[in-house]
Protein backbone atom coordinates (compact mmCIF):
# COMPACT_ATOMS: atom_id res chain seq x y z
CA MET A 1 31.64 63.60 -64.48
CA GLU A 2 34.40 66.03 -65.80
CA LYS A 3 36.33 68.29 -63.92
CA LEU A 4 37.69 71.54 -64.65
CA ARG A 5 41.05 72.71 -63.52
CA VAL A 6 43.74 75.80 -63.97
CA THR A 7 47.30 74.95 -63.60
CA ASP A 8 50.23 77.21 -62.68
CA SER A 9 50.44 78.29 -66.11
CA CYS A 10 48.11 80.33 -65.66
CA ILE A 11 49.11 84.22 -67.03
CA GLY A 12 46.00 85.87 -66.19
CA CYS A 13 45.32 87.12 -68.96
CA GLY A 14 41.78 86.87 -68.36
CA LEU A 15 40.62 85.50 -71.48
CA CYS A 16 38.36 82.59 -69.73
CA VAL A 17 37.08 84.57 -67.35
CA SER A 18 35.65 87.37 -69.60
CA GLN A 19 33.84 84.34 -71.91
CA ASN A 20 31.97 82.49 -68.76
CA GLU A 21 31.75 83.53 -65.62
CA LYS A 22 29.81 80.66 -64.67
CA TYR A 23 32.78 78.49 -64.36
CA PHE A 24 35.94 81.23 -64.10
CA GLU A 25 36.83 83.53 -61.49
CA PHE A 26 39.73 85.83 -60.55
CA ASN A 27 41.48 84.85 -57.47
CA ASP A 28 43.33 87.17 -54.99
CA GLU A 29 46.58 87.26 -57.22
CA GLY A 30 44.89 88.21 -60.60
CA LEU A 31 44.73 84.76 -62.25
CA SER A 32 42.08 82.39 -63.17
CA GLN A 33 40.44 79.10 -60.76
CA PRO A 34 37.77 77.52 -61.34
CA LYS A 35 34.39 78.82 -59.85
CA GLN A 36 32.75 75.33 -60.41
CA GLU A 37 34.73 72.80 -60.86
CA ILE A 38 32.40 69.70 -62.06
CA ILE A 39 31.65 70.41 -65.90
CA ASP A 40 27.84 70.60 -66.84
CA GLU A 41 26.95 68.35 -70.05
CA GLU A 42 25.26 71.14 -71.77
CA ASP A 43 28.49 73.69 -71.02
CA LYS A 44 31.12 71.24 -72.30
CA ALA A 45 31.33 72.64 -75.50
CA GLU A 46 31.78 75.74 -74.98
CA LEU A 47 34.27 74.82 -72.50
CA LEU A 48 36.34 73.02 -74.94
CA THR A 49 36.77 76.20 -76.97
CA ILE A 50 37.79 78.19 -74.31
CA VAL A 51 40.78 75.76 -73.08
CA GLU A 52 41.94 76.12 -77.07
CA SER A 53 42.21 79.48 -76.76
CA CYS A 54 44.08 80.37 -73.69
CA PRO A 55 47.25 81.28 -74.21
CA GLY A 56 49.27 79.85 -71.20
CA GLU A 57 47.53 76.47 -72.24
CA ALA A 58 46.33 76.85 -68.15
CA ILE A 59 42.91 75.12 -68.82
CA ILE A 60 42.71 71.21 -68.18
CA ILE A 61 38.77 69.41 -68.45
CA GLU A 62 39.45 65.62 -66.36
CA GLU A 63 37.79 62.93 -65.82
CA GLU A 64 37.52 63.07 -62.22
CA LYS A 65 39.04 60.38 -60.26
């Protein structure tokens, strides 16, 4: 099972939130945070594209431990 994480290097540009509101939302500081952490297999390809597009390189997909 894979999990979505947003690191402290988020700059709050909103690209991920605008591309996928199922998985991303803004927190009170205006930075991105996961709305849904566990990744559905059918959404993985789209999320990988968002990971690659993140200007702050803040989005990580990792194996849940």
